[in-house]
Amino acid sequence: NADLGFTHEDRTENLRRVAHVAALFMQQGFVAIAAVISPEERHR
């Protein structure tokens, strides 16, 4: 996510990417531990 800043739009995209990566690991049987601020309820 090096191409993203901290605007509301960039933060939303950052967390969307993290969630998709986490889901991919989960589907392979991993416990994916995402340590992310995710400040808004809509992000979570």
PDB file of all heavy atoms in Angstrom:
ATOM      1  N   ASN A   1       0.809  -1.220   0.000  1.00  0.00           N
ATOM      2  CA  ASN A   1       0.000   0.000   0.000  1.00  0.00           C
ATOM      3  C   ASN A   1       0.845   1.275   0.000  1.00  0.00           C
ATOM      4  O   ASN A   1       0.380   2.338   0.428  1.00  0.00           O
ATOM      5  CB  ASN A   1      -0.959  -0.024   1.193  1.00  0.00           C
ATOM      6  CG  ASN A   1      -1.944  -1.168   1.081  1.00  0.00           C
ATOM      7  OD1 ASN A   1      -2.308  -1.584  -0.017  1.00  0.00           O
ATOM      8  ND2 ASN A   1      -2.370  -1.693   2.208  1.00  0.00           N
ATOM      9  N   ALA A   2       2.071   1.182  -0.509  1.00  0.00           N
ATOM     10  CA  ALA A   2       2.979   2.336  -0.522  1.00  0.00           C
ATOM     11  C   ALA A   2       2.459   3.477  -1.394  1.00  0.00           C
ATOM     12  O   ALA A   2       2.865   4.617  -1.227  1.00  0.00           O
ATOM     13  CB  ALA A   2       4.370   1.915  -0.995  1.00  0.00           C
ATOM     14  N   ASP A   3       1.547   3.162  -2.293  1.00  0.00           N
ATOM     15  CA  ASP A   3       0.994   4.190  -3.186  1.00  0.00           C
ATOM     16  C   ASP A   3      -0.142   4.970  -2.545  1.00  0.00           C
ATOM     17  O   ASP A   3      -0.704   5.871  -3.174  1.00  0.00           O
ATOM     18  CB  ASP A   3       0.504   3.546  -4.492  1.00  0.00           C
ATOM     19  CG  ASP A   3      -0.587   2.507  -4.271  1.00  0.00           C
ATOM     20  OD1 ASP A   3      -0.523   1.763  -3.261  1.00  0.00           O
ATOM     21  OD2 ASP A   3      -1.503   2.433  -5.116  1.00  0.00           O
ATOM     22  N   LEU A   4      -0.473   4.673  -1.305  1.00  0.00           N
ATOM     23  CA  LEU A   4      -1.608   5.310  -0.641  1.00  0.00           C
ATOM     24  C   LEU A   4      -1.172   6.247   0.473  1.00  0.00           C
ATOM     25  O   LEU A   4      -0.209   5.967   1.188  1.00  0.00           O
ATOM     26  CB  LEU A   4      -2.540   4.234  -0.063  1.00  0.00           C
ATOM     27  CG  LEU A   4      -3.128   3.254  -1.073  1.00  0.00           C
ATOM     28  CD1 LEU A   4      -3.879   2.147  -0.345  1.00  0.00           C
ATOM     29  CD2 LEU A   4      -4.031   3.978  -2.066  1.00  0.00           C
ATOM     30  N   GLY A   5      -1.921   7.327   0.638  1.00  0.00           N
ATOM     31  CA  GLY A   5      -1.687   8.265   1.728  1.00  0.00           C
ATOM     32  C   GLY A   5      -2.680   8.007   2.851  1.00  0.00           C
ATOM     33  O   GLY A   5      -3.107   6.872   3.082  1.00  0.00           O
ATOM     34  N   PHE A   6      -3.085   9.080   3.525  1.00  0.00           N
ATOM     35  CA  PHE A   6      -3.968   8.945   4.677  1.00  0.00           C
ATOM     36  C   PHE A   6      -5.260   9.739   4.527  1.00  0.00           C
ATOM     37  O   PHE A   6      -5.938  10.011   5.517  1.00  0.00           O
ATOM     38  CB  PHE A   6      -3.224   9.333   5.965  1.00  0.00           C
ATOM     39  CG  PHE A   6      -2.175   8.318   6.331  1.00  0.00           C
ATOM     40  CD1 PHE A   6      -0.884   8.455   5.846  1.00  0.00           C
ATOM     41  CD2 PHE A   6      -2.488   7.223   7.107  1.00  0.00           C
ATOM     42  CE1 PHE A   6       0.087   7.503   6.159  1.00  0.00           C
ATOM     43  CE2 PHE A   6      -1.523   6.273   7.424  1.00  0.00           C
ATOM     44  CZ  PHE A   6      -0.234   6.417   6.949  1.00  0.00           C
ATOM     45  N   THR A   7      -5.607  10.103   3.273  1.00  0.00           N
ATOM     46  CA  THR A   7      -6.902  10.735   3.058  1.00  0.00           C
ATOM     47  C   THR A   7      -7.981   9.696   3.361  1.00  0.00           C
ATOM     48  O   THR A   7      -7.692   8.491   3.456  1.00  0.00           O
ATOM     49  CB  THR A   7      -7.058  11.215   1.600  1.00  0.00           C
ATOM     50  OG1 THR A   7      -7.048  10.057   0.752  1.00  0.00           O
ATOM     51  CG2 THR A   7      -5.950  12.196   1.205  1.00  0.00           C
ATOM     52  N   HIS A   8      -9.206  10.131   3.469  1.00  0.00           N
ATOM     53  CA  HIS A   8     -10.291   9.180   3.736  1.00  0.00           C
ATOM     54  C   HIS A   8     -10.384   8.138   2.625  1.00  0.00           C
ATOM     55  O   HIS A   8     -10.579   6.950   2.905  1.00  0.00           O
ATOM     56  CB  HIS A   8     -11.618   9.921   3.916  1.00  0.00           C
ATOM     57  CG  HIS A   8     -11.645  10.777   5.145  1.00  0.00           C
ATOM     58  ND1 HIS A   8     -11.647  10.240   6.413  1.00  0.00           N
ATOM     59  CD2 HIS A   8     -11.641  12.117   5.294  1.00  0.00           C
ATOM     60  CE1 HIS A   8     -11.642  11.221   7.300  1.00  0.00           C
ATOM     61  NE2 HIS A   8     -11.633  12.368   6.650  1.00  0.00           N
ATOM     62  N   GLU A   9     -10.208   8.562   1.386  1.00  0.00           N
ATOM     63  CA  GLU A   9     -10.284   7.630   0.252  1.00  0.00           C
ATOM     64  C   GLU A   9      -9.133   6.629   0.290  1.00  0.00           C
ATOM     65  O   GLU A   9      -9.335   5.429   0.073  1.00  0.00           O
ATOM     66  CB  GLU A   9     -10.279   8.395  -1.081  1.00  0.00           C
ATOM     67  CG  GLU A   9     -11.481   9.289  -1.301  1.00  0.00           C
ATOM     68  CD  GLU A   9     -11.409  10.635  -0.554  1.00  0.00           C
ATOM     69  OE1 GLU A   9     -10.311  11.018  -0.063  1.00  0.00           O
ATOM     70  OE2 GLU A   9     -12.462  11.277  -0.439  1.00  0.00           O
ATOM     71  N   ASP A  10      -7.922   7.123   0.539  1.00  0.00           N
ATOM     72  CA  ASP A  10      -6.756   6.238   0.587  1.00  0.00           C
ATOM     73  C   ASP A  10      -6.846   5.268   1.771  1.00  0.00           C
ATOM     74  O   ASP A  10      -6.480   4.098   1.659  1.00  0.00           O
ATOM     75  CB  ASP A  10      -5.463   7.041   0.674  1.00  0.00           C
ATOM     76  CG  ASP A  10      -5.046   7.635  -0.663  1.00  0.00           C
ATOM     77  OD1 ASP A  10      -5.700   7.364  -1.685  1.00  0.00           O
ATOM     78  OD2 ASP A  10      -4.052   8.395  -0.682  1.00  0.00           O
ATOM     79  N   ARG A  11      -7.323   5.752   2.901  1.00  0.00           N
ATOM     80  CA  ARG A  11      -7.462   4.884   4.073  1.00  0.00           C
ATOM     81  C   ARG A  11      -8.464   3.762   3.774  1.00  0.00           C
ATOM     82  O   ARG A  11      -8.227   2.600   4.112  1.00  0.00           O
ATOM     83  CB  ARG A  11      -7.915   5.708   5.278  1.00  0.00           C
ATOM     84  CG  ARG A  11      -7.730   5.011   6.592  1.00  0.00           C
ATOM     85  CD  ARG A  11      -8.175   5.883   7.749  1.00  0.00           C
ATOM     86  NE  ARG A  11      -7.377   7.062   7.958  1.00  0.00           N
ATOM     87  CZ  ARG A  11      -6.310   7.130   8.750  1.00  0.00           C
ATOM     88  NH1 ARG A  11      -5.911   6.063   9.389  1.00  0.00           N
ATOM     89  NH2 ARG A  11      -5.665   8.253   8.904  1.00  0.00           N
ATOM     90  N   THR A  12      -9.555   4.115   3.113  1.00  0.00           N
ATOM     91  CA  THR A  12     -10.561   3.118   2.745  1.00  0.00           C
ATOM     92  C   THR A  12      -9.962   2.071   1.818  1.00  0.00           C
ATOM     93  O   THR A  12     -10.160   0.859   2.010  1.00  0.00           O
ATOM     94  CB  THR A  12     -11.781   3.802   2.091  1.00  0.00           C
ATOM     95  OG1 THR A  12     -12.372   4.698   3.051  1.00  0.00           O
ATOM     96  CG2 THR A  12     -12.812   2.791   1.632  1.00  0.00           C
ATOM     97  N   GLU A  13      -9.192   2.496   0.809  1.00  0.00           N
ATOM     98  CA  GLU A  13      -8.565   1.567  -0.123  1.00  0.00           C
ATOM     99  C   GLU A  13      -7.516   0.713   0.582  1.00  0.00           C
ATOM    100  O   GLU A  13      -7.412  -0.499   0.333  1.00  0.00           O
ATOM    101  CB  GLU A  13      -7.943   2.312  -1.306  1.00  0.00           C
ATOM    102  CG  GLU A  13      -7.176   1.441  -2.282  1.00  0.00           C
ATOM    103  CD  GLU A  13      -7.997   0.341  -2.952  1.00  0.00           C
ATOM    104  OE1 GLU A  13      -9.245   0.368  -2.886  1.00  0.00           O
ATOM    105  OE2 GLU A  13      -7.387  -0.573  -3.535  1.00  0.00           O
ATOM    106  N   ASN A  14      -6.731   1.295   1.464  1.00  0.00           N
ATOM    107  CA  ASN A  14      -5.737   0.556   2.236  1.00  0.00           C
ATOM    108  C   ASN A  14      -6.403  -0.601   2.980  1.00  0.00           C
ATOM    109  O   ASN A  14      -5.955  -1.753   2.901  1.00  0.00           O
ATOM    110  CB  ASN A  14      -5.042   1.511   3.217  1.00  0.00           C
ATOM    111  CG  ASN A  14      -4.120   0.792   4.174  1.00  0.00           C
ATOM    112  OD1 ASN A  14      -3.179   0.137   3.785  1.00  0.00           O
ATOM    113  ND2 ASN A  14      -4.407   0.920   5.455  1.00  0.00           N
ATOM    114  N   LEU A  15      -7.466  -0.306   3.680  1.00  0.00           N
ATOM    115  CA  LEU A  15      -8.131  -1.327   4.490  1.00  0.00           C
ATOM    116  C   LEU A  15      -8.854  -2.358   3.625  1.00  0.00           C
ATOM    117  O   LEU A  15      -8.917  -3.534   3.976  1.00  0.00           O
ATOM    118  CB  LEU A  15      -9.068  -0.665   5.494  1.00  0.00           C
ATOM    119  CG  LEU A  15      -8.305   0.188   6.526  1.00  0.00           C
ATOM    120  CD1 LEU A  15      -9.255   1.057   7.320  1.00  0.00           C
ATOM    121  CD2 LEU A  15      -7.455  -0.688   7.433  1.00  0.00           C
ATOM    122  N   ARG A  16      -9.365  -1.944   2.476  1.00  0.00           N
ATOM    123  CA  ARG A  16      -9.985  -2.886   1.543  1.00  0.00           C
ATOM    124  C   ARG A  16      -8.945  -3.910   1.087  1.00  0.00           C
ATOM    125  O   ARG A  16      -9.204  -5.121   1.081  1.00  0.00           O
ATOM    126  CB  ARG A  16     -10.567  -2.140   0.336  1.00  0.00           C
ATOM    127  CG  ARG A  16     -11.353  -3.040  -0.630  1.00  0.00           C
ATOM    128  CD  ARG A  16     -11.651  -2.323  -1.940  1.00  0.00           C
ATOM    129  NE  ARG A  16     -10.440  -2.149  -2.744  1.00  0.00           N
ATOM    130  CZ  ARG A  16      -9.866  -3.106  -3.485  1.00  0.00           C
ATOM    131  NH1 ARG A  16     -10.380  -4.321  -3.520  1.00  0.00           N
ATOM    132  NH2 ARG A  16      -8.770  -2.861  -4.184  1.00  0.00           N
ATOM    133  N   ARG A  17      -7.757  -3.435   0.739  1.00  0.00           N
ATOM    134  CA  ARG A  17      -6.687  -4.340   0.306  1.00  0.00           C
ATOM    135  C   ARG A  17      -6.280  -5.294   1.421  1.00  0.00           C
ATOM    136  O   ARG A  17      -6.102  -6.492   1.196  1.00  0.00           O
ATOM    137  CB  ARG A  17      -5.466  -3.541  -0.160  1.00  0.00           C
ATOM    138  CG  ARG A  17      -5.681  -2.777  -1.443  1.00  0.00           C
ATOM    139  CD  ARG A  17      -4.423  -2.010  -1.805  1.00  0.00           C
ATOM    140  NE  ARG A  17      -4.650  -1.061  -2.888  1.00  0.00           N
ATOM    141  CZ  ARG A  17      -3.705  -0.258  -3.380  1.00  0.00           C
ATOM    142  NH1 ARG A  17      -2.470  -0.304  -2.891  1.00  0.00           N
ATOM    143  NH2 ARG A  17      -3.991   0.584  -4.345  1.00  0.00           N
ATOM    144  N   VAL A  18      -6.118  -4.759   2.620  1.00  0.00           N
ATOM    145  CA  VAL A  18      -5.728  -5.599   3.761  1.00  0.00           C
ATOM    146  C   VAL A  18      -6.779  -6.681   3.989  1.00  0.00           C
ATOM    147  O   VAL A  18      -6.438  -7.857   4.206  1.00  0.00           O
ATOM    148  CB  VAL A  18      -5.517  -4.761   5.038  1.00  0.00           C
ATOM    149  CG1 VAL A  18      -5.277  -5.663   6.243  1.00  0.00           C
ATOM    150  CG2 VAL A  18      -4.359  -3.779   4.863  1.00  0.00           C
ATOM    151  N   ALA A  19      -8.049  -6.324   3.918  1.00  0.00           N
ATOM    152  CA  ALA A  19      -9.121  -7.299   4.142  1.00  0.00           C
ATOM    153  C   ALA A  19      -9.088  -8.404   3.087  1.00  0.00           C
ATOM    154  O   ALA A  19      -9.265  -9.590   3.411  1.00  0.00           O
ATOM    155  CB  ALA A  19     -10.479  -6.604   4.154  1.00  0.00           C
ATOM    156  N   HIS A  20      -8.844  -8.051   1.841  1.00  0.00           N
ATOM    157  CA  HIS A  20      -8.779  -9.070   0.790  1.00  0.00           C
ATOM    158  C   HIS A  20      -7.584 -10.003   0.984  1.00  0.00           C
ATOM    159  O   HIS A  20      -7.708 -11.220   0.809  1.00  0.00           O
ATOM    160  CB  HIS A  20      -8.741  -8.424  -0.596  1.00  0.00           C
ATOM    161  CG  HIS A  20     -10.095  -8.052  -1.107  1.00  0.00           C
ATOM    162  ND1 HIS A  20     -11.011  -8.984  -1.557  1.00  0.00           N
ATOM    163  CD2 HIS A  20     -10.702  -6.850  -1.224  1.00  0.00           C
ATOM    164  CE1 HIS A  20     -12.123  -8.371  -1.943  1.00  0.00           C
ATOM    165  NE2 HIS A  20     -11.956  -7.078  -1.743  1.00  0.00           N
ATOM    166  N   VAL A  21      -6.437  -9.452   1.350  1.00  0.00           N
ATOM    167  CA  VAL A  21      -5.257 -10.284   1.605  1.00  0.00           C
ATOM    168  C   VAL A  21      -5.533 -11.215   2.795  1.00  0.00           C
ATOM    169  O   VAL A  21      -5.246 -12.416   2.744  1.00  0.00           O
ATOM    170  CB  VAL A  21      -4.000  -9.421   1.843  1.00  0.00           C
ATOM    171  CG1 VAL A  21      -2.831 -10.270   2.343  1.00  0.00           C
ATOM    172  CG2 VAL A  21      -3.609  -8.676   0.567  1.00  0.00           C
ATOM    173  N   ALA A  22      -6.106 -10.667   3.852  1.00  0.00           N
ATOM    174  CA  ALA A  22      -6.429 -11.471   5.036  1.00  0.00           C
ATOM    175  C   ALA A  22      -7.390 -12.600   4.666  1.00  0.00           C
ATOM    176  O   ALA A  22      -7.218 -13.749   5.110  1.00  0.00           O
ATOM    177  CB  ALA A  22      -7.027 -10.582   6.129  1.00  0.00           C
ATOM    178  N   ALA A  23      -8.397 -12.287   3.851  1.00  0.00           N
ATOM    179  CA  ALA A  23      -9.371 -13.304   3.437  1.00  0.00           C
ATOM    180  C   ALA A  23      -8.698 -14.422   2.649  1.00  0.00           C
ATOM    181  O   ALA A  23      -9.035 -15.610   2.821  1.00  0.00           O
ATOM    182  CB  ALA A  23     -10.487 -12.657   2.619  1.00  0.00           C
ATOM    183  N   LEU A  24      -7.745 -14.074   1.789  1.00  0.00           N
ATOM    184  CA  LEU A  24      -7.025 -15.091   1.018  1.00  0.00           C
ATOM    185  C   LEU A  24      -6.266 -16.049   1.940  1.00  0.00           C
ATOM    186  O   LEU A  24      -6.294 -17.273   1.742  1.00  0.00           O
ATOM    187  CB  LEU A  24      -6.059 -14.434   0.031  1.00  0.00           C
ATOM    188  CG  LEU A  24      -6.696 -13.718  -1.156  1.00  0.00           C
ATOM    189  CD1 LEU A  24      -5.636 -12.916  -1.914  1.00  0.00           C
ATOM    190  CD2 LEU A  24      -7.387 -14.711  -2.071  1.00  0.00           C
ATOM    191  N   PHE A  25      -5.591 -15.495   2.942  1.00  0.00           N
ATOM    192  CA  PHE A  25      -4.877 -16.351   3.892  1.00  0.00           C
ATOM    193  C   PHE A  25      -5.852 -17.218   4.682  1.00  0.00           C
ATOM    194  O   PHE A  25      -5.614 -18.403   4.907  1.00  0.00           O
ATOM    195  CB  PHE A  25      -3.999 -15.515   4.835  1.00  0.00           C
ATOM    196  CG  PHE A  25      -2.657 -15.188   4.260  1.00  0.00           C
ATOM    197  CD1 PHE A  25      -2.390 -13.926   3.761  1.00  0.00           C
ATOM    198  CD2 PHE A  25      -1.657 -16.147   4.212  1.00  0.00           C
ATOM    199  CE1 PHE A  25      -1.149 -13.624   3.219  1.00  0.00           C
ATOM    200  CE2 PHE A  25      -0.405 -15.863   3.677  1.00  0.00           C
ATOM    201  CZ  PHE A  25      -0.156 -14.593   3.174  1.00  0.00           C
ATOM    202  N   MET A  26      -6.963 -16.630   5.120  1.00  0.00           N
ATOM    203  CA  MET A  26      -7.959 -17.382   5.886  1.00  0.00           C
ATOM    204  C   MET A  26      -8.477 -18.562   5.068  1.00  0.00           C
ATOM    205  O   MET A  26      -8.628 -19.669   5.588  1.00  0.00           O
ATOM    206  CB  MET A  26      -9.116 -16.477   6.289  1.00  0.00           C
ATOM    207  CG  MET A  26     -10.181 -17.199   7.099  1.00  0.00           C
ATOM    208  SD  MET A  26     -11.655 -16.210   7.381  1.00  0.00           S
ATOM    209  CE  MET A  26     -12.430 -16.322   5.762  1.00  0.00           C
ATOM    210  N   GLN A  27      -8.722 -18.331   3.788  1.00  0.00           N
ATOM    211  CA  GLN A  27      -9.239 -19.400   2.920  1.00  0.00           C
ATOM    212  C   GLN A  27      -8.254 -20.557   2.789  1.00  0.00           C
ATOM    213  O   GLN A  27      -8.652 -21.680   2.471  1.00  0.00           O
ATOM    214  CB  GLN A  27      -9.596 -18.830   1.548  1.00  0.00           C
ATOM    215  CG  GLN A  27     -10.792 -17.910   1.584  1.00  0.00           C
ATOM    216  CD  GLN A  27     -10.911 -17.034   0.344  1.00  0.00           C
ATOM    217  OE1 GLN A  27     -10.158 -17.188  -0.623  1.00  0.00           O
ATOM    218  NE2 GLN A  27     -11.849 -16.097   0.376  1.00  0.00           N
ATOM    219  N   GLN A  28      -6.984 -20.297   3.051  1.00  0.00           N
ATOM    220  CA  GLN A  28      -5.956 -21.338   3.009  1.00  0.00           C
ATOM    221  C   GLN A  28      -5.699 -21.958   4.380  1.00  0.00           C
ATOM    222  O   GLN A  28      -4.739 -22.711   4.557  1.00  0.00           O
ATOM    223  CB  GLN A  28      -4.656 -20.776   2.419  1.00  0.00           C
ATOM    224  CG  GLN A  28      -4.790 -20.360   0.974  1.00  0.00           C
ATOM    225  CD  GLN A  28      -5.230 -21.502   0.078  1.00  0.00           C
ATOM    226  OE1 GLN A  28      -4.680 -22.593   0.137  1.00  0.00           O
ATOM    227  NE2 GLN A  28      -6.247 -21.262  -0.741  1.00  0.00           N
ATOM    228  N   GLY A  29      -6.535 -21.613   5.367  1.00  0.00           N
ATOM    229  CA  GLY A  29      -6.433 -22.207   6.691  1.00  0.00           C
ATOM    230  C   GLY A  29      -5.589 -21.439   7.686  1.00  0.00           C
ATOM    231  O   GLY A  29      -5.379 -21.893   8.802  1.00  0.00           O
ATOM    232  N   PHE A  30      -5.100 -20.285   7.305  1.00  0.00           N
ATOM    233  CA  PHE A  30      -4.293 -19.460   8.214  1.00  0.00           C
ATOM    234  C   PHE A  30      -5.179 -18.647   9.156  1.00  0.00           C
ATOM    235  O   PHE A  30      -6.304 -18.284   8.804  1.00  0.00           O
ATOM    236  CB  PHE A  30      -3.452 -18.444   7.422  1.00  0.00           C
ATOM    237  CG  PHE A  30      -2.215 -19.009   6.791  1.00  0.00           C
ATOM    238  CD1 PHE A  30      -2.306 -19.806   5.658  1.00  0.00           C
ATOM    239  CD2 PHE A  30      -0.955 -18.729   7.310  1.00  0.00           C
ATOM    240  CE1 PHE A  30      -1.168 -20.323   5.060  1.00  0.00           C
ATOM    241  CE2 PHE A  30       0.181 -19.243   6.712  1.00  0.00           C
ATOM    242  CZ  PHE A  30       0.075 -20.036   5.584  1.00  0.00           C
ATOM    243  N   VAL A  31      -4.625 -18.322  10.310  1.00  0.00           N
ATOM    244  CA  VAL A  31      -5.186 -17.267  11.138  1.00  0.00           C
ATOM    245  C   VAL A  31      -4.433 -16.014  10.712  1.00  0.00           C
ATOM    246  O   VAL A  31      -3.232 -15.881  10.961  1.00  0.00           O
ATOM    247  CB  VAL A  31      -4.996 -17.539  12.643  1.00  0.00           C
ATOM    248  CG1 VAL A  31      -5.478 -16.347  13.463  1.00  0.00           C
ATOM    249  CG2 VAL A  31      -5.726 -18.813  13.055  1.00  0.00           C
ATOM    250  N   ALA A  32      -5.118 -15.136  10.000  1.00  0.00           N
ATOM    251  CA  ALA A  32      -4.527 -13.879   9.541  1.00  0.00           C
ATOM    252  C   ALA A  32      -4.814 -12.821  10.600  1.00  0.00           C
ATOM    253  O   ALA A  32      -5.970 -12.538  10.894  1.00  0.00           O
ATOM    254  CB  ALA A  32      -5.115 -13.473   8.193  1.00  0.00           C
ATOM    255  N   ILE A  33      -3.756 -12.282  11.164  1.00  0.00           N
ATOM    256  CA  ILE A  33      -3.881 -11.297  12.240  1.00  0.00           C
ATOM    257  C   ILE A  33      -3.570  -9.929  11.648  1.00  0.00           C
ATOM    258  O   ILE A  33      -2.412  -9.608  11.390  1.00  0.00           O
ATOM    259  CB  ILE A  33      -2.923 -11.623  13.397  1.00  0.00           C
ATOM    260  CG1 ILE A  33      -3.070 -13.092  13.828  1.00  0.00           C
ATOM    261  CG2 ILE A  33      -3.159 -10.670  14.566  1.00  0.00           C
ATOM    262  CD1 ILE A  33      -1.881 -13.624  14.605  1.00  0.00           C
ATOM    263  N   ALA A  34      -4.609  -9.141  11.415  1.00  0.00           N
ATOM    264  CA  ALA A  34      -4.458  -7.814  10.819  1.00  0.00           C
ATOM    265  C   ALA A  34      -4.404  -6.771  11.932  1.00  0.00           C
ATOM    266  O   ALA A  34      -5.359  -6.597  12.675  1.00  0.00           O
ATOM    267  CB  ALA A  34      -5.616  -7.521   9.871  1.00  0.00           C
ATOM    268  N   ALA A  35      -3.265  -6.112  12.052  1.00  0.00           N
ATOM    269  CA  ALA A  35      -3.073  -5.059  13.052  1.00  0.00           C
ATOM    270  C   ALA A  35      -3.155  -3.722  12.326  1.00  0.00           C
ATOM    271  O   ALA A  35      -2.157  -3.243  11.775  1.00  0.00           O
ATOM    272  CB  ALA A  35      -1.734  -5.232  13.758  1.00  0.00           C
ATOM    273  N   VAL A  36      -4.360  -3.168  12.276  1.00  0.00           N
ATOM    274  CA  VAL A  36      -4.625  -1.960  11.496  1.00  0.00           C
ATOM    275  C   VAL A  36      -5.522  -1.021  12.293  1.00  0.00           C
ATOM    276  O   VAL A  36      -6.457  -1.458  12.952  1.00  0.00           O
ATOM    277  CB  VAL A  36      -5.292  -2.307  10.142  1.00  0.00           C
ATOM    278  CG1 VAL A  36      -4.301  -2.975   9.199  1.00  0.00           C
ATOM    279  CG2 VAL A  36      -6.502  -3.208  10.320  1.00  0.00           C
ATOM    280  N   ILE A  37      -5.250   0.269  12.223  1.00  0.00           N
ATOM    281  CA  ILE A  37      -6.033   1.220  13.005  1.00  0.00           C
ATOM    282  C   ILE A  37      -7.518   1.136  12.658  1.00  0.00           C
ATOM    283  O   ILE A  37      -8.354   1.078  13.534  1.00  0.00           O
ATOM    284  CB  ILE A  37      -5.484   2.659  12.837  1.00  0.00           C
ATOM    285  CG1 ILE A  37      -4.085   2.750  13.456  1.00  0.00           C
ATOM    286  CG2 ILE A  37      -6.428   3.675  13.468  1.00  0.00           C
ATOM    287  CD1 ILE A  37      -3.362   4.056  13.214  1.00  0.00           C
ATOM    288  N   SER A  38      -7.858   1.105  11.380  1.00  0.00           N
ATOM    289  CA  SER A  38      -9.244   1.074  10.884  1.00  0.00           C
ATOM    290  C   SER A  38     -10.169   1.935  11.748  1.00  0.00           C
ATOM    291  O   SER A  38     -10.996   1.410  12.484  1.00  0.00           O
ATOM    292  CB  SER A  38      -9.763  -0.354  10.731  1.00  0.00           C
ATOM    293  OG  SER A  38      -9.536  -1.171  11.836  1.00  0.00           O
ATOM    294  N   PRO A  39     -10.043   3.263  11.615  1.00  0.00           N
ATOM    295  CA  PRO A  39     -10.683   4.185  12.548  1.00  0.00           C
ATOM    296  C   PRO A  39     -12.192   4.331  12.443  1.00  0.00           C
ATOM    297  O   PRO A  39     -12.822   4.784  13.392  1.00  0.00           O
ATOM    298  CB  PRO A  39     -10.018   5.517  12.223  1.00  0.00           C
ATOM    299  CG  PRO A  39      -9.637   5.404  10.792  1.00  0.00           C
ATOM    300  CD  PRO A  39      -9.262   3.961  10.605  1.00  0.00           C
ATOM    301  N   GLU A  40     -12.775   3.930  11.328  1.00  0.00           N
ATOM    302  CA  GLU A  40     -14.214   4.142  11.164  1.00  0.00           C
ATOM    303  C   GLU A  40     -14.966   2.821  11.154  1.00  0.00           C
ATOM    304  O   GLU A  40     -14.484   1.820  10.638  1.00  0.00           O
ATOM    305  CB  GLU A  40     -14.490   4.892   9.861  1.00  0.00           C
ATOM    306  CG  GLU A  40     -13.905   6.297   9.828  1.00  0.00           C
ATOM    307  CD  GLU A  40     -14.181   7.011   8.526  1.00  0.00           C
ATOM    308  OE1 GLU A  40     -15.286   6.851   7.966  1.00  0.00           O
ATOM    309  OE2 GLU A  40     -13.272   7.718   8.048  1.00  0.00           O
ATOM    310  N   GLU A  41     -16.169   2.866  11.708  1.00  0.00           N
ATOM    311  CA  GLU A  41     -17.027   1.684  11.728  1.00  0.00           C
ATOM    312  C   GLU A  41     -17.246   1.159  10.312  1.00  0.00           C
ATOM    313  O   GLU A  41     -17.244  -0.049  10.094  1.00  0.00           O
ATOM    314  CB  GLU A  41     -18.368   2.003  12.392  1.00  0.00           C
ATOM    315  CG  GLU A  41     -19.362   0.866  12.360  1.00  0.00           C
ATOM    316  CD  GLU A  41     -18.871  -0.417  13.017  1.00  0.00           C
ATOM    317  OE1 GLU A  41     -18.125  -0.347  14.014  1.00  0.00           O
ATOM    318  OE2 GLU A  41     -19.234  -1.501  12.518  1.00  0.00           O
ATOM    319  N   ARG A  42     -17.403   2.050   9.346  1.00  0.00           N
ATOM    320  CA  ARG A  42     -17.645   1.603   7.962  1.00  0.00           C
ATOM    321  C   ARG A  42     -16.449   0.817   7.422  1.00  0.00           C
ATOM    322  O   ARG A  42     -16.623  -0.123   6.649  1.00  0.00           O
ATOM    323  CB  ARG A  42     -17.993   2.781   7.048  1.00  0.00           C
ATOM    324  CG  ARG A  42     -16.857   3.731   6.800  1.00  0.00           C
ATOM    325  CD  ARG A  42     -17.300   4.936   5.938  1.00  0.00           C
ATOM    326  NE  ARG A  42     -16.192   5.832   5.740  1.00  0.00           N
ATOM    327  CZ  ARG A  42     -15.417   5.827   4.646  1.00  0.00           C
ATOM    328  NH1 ARG A  42     -15.655   4.988   3.655  1.00  0.00           N
ATOM    329  NH2 ARG A  42     -14.411   6.676   4.539  1.00  0.00           N
ATOM    330  N   HIS A  43     -15.235   1.158   7.838  1.00  0.00           N
ATOM    331  CA  HIS A  43     -14.049   0.393   7.430  1.00  0.00           C
ATOM    332  C   HIS A  43     -14.101  -1.022   7.996  1.00  0.00           C
ATOM    333  O   HIS A  43     -13.829  -2.006   7.295  1.00  0.00           O
ATOM    334  CB  HIS A  43     -12.761   1.052   7.923  1.00  0.00           C
ATOM    335  CG  HIS A  43     -12.485   2.383   7.319  1.00  0.00           C
ATOM    336  ND1 HIS A  43     -11.919   3.409   8.053  1.00  0.00           N
ATOM    337  CD2 HIS A  43     -12.679   2.880   6.074  1.00  0.00           C
ATOM    338  CE1 HIS A  43     -11.778   4.458   7.279  1.00  0.00           C
ATOM    339  NE2 HIS A  43     -12.237   4.163   6.070  1.00  0.00           N
ATOM    340  N   ARG A  44     -14.422  -1.108   9.280  1.00  0.00           N
ATOM    341  CA  ARG A  44     -14.468  -2.415   9.930  1.00  0.00           C
ATOM    342  C   ARG A  44     -15.603  -3.269   9.373  1.00  0.00           C
ATOM    343  O   ARG A  44     -15.445  -4.471   9.174  1.00  0.00           O
ATOM    344  CB  ARG A  44     -14.557  -2.234  11.442  1.00  0.00           C
ATOM    345  CG  ARG A  44     -13.335  -1.503  12.010  1.00  0.00           C
ATOM    346  CD  ARG A  44     -13.349  -1.386  13.508  1.00  0.00           C
ATOM    347  NE  ARG A  44     -14.402  -0.573  14.061  1.00  0.00           N
ATOM    348  CZ  ARG A  44     -14.303   0.735  14.328  1.00  0.00           C
ATOM    349  NH1 ARG A  44     -13.166   1.382  14.082  1.00  0.00           N
ATOM    350  NH2 ARG A  44     -15.312   1.385  14.863  1.00  0.00           N
TER     351      ARG A  44
END
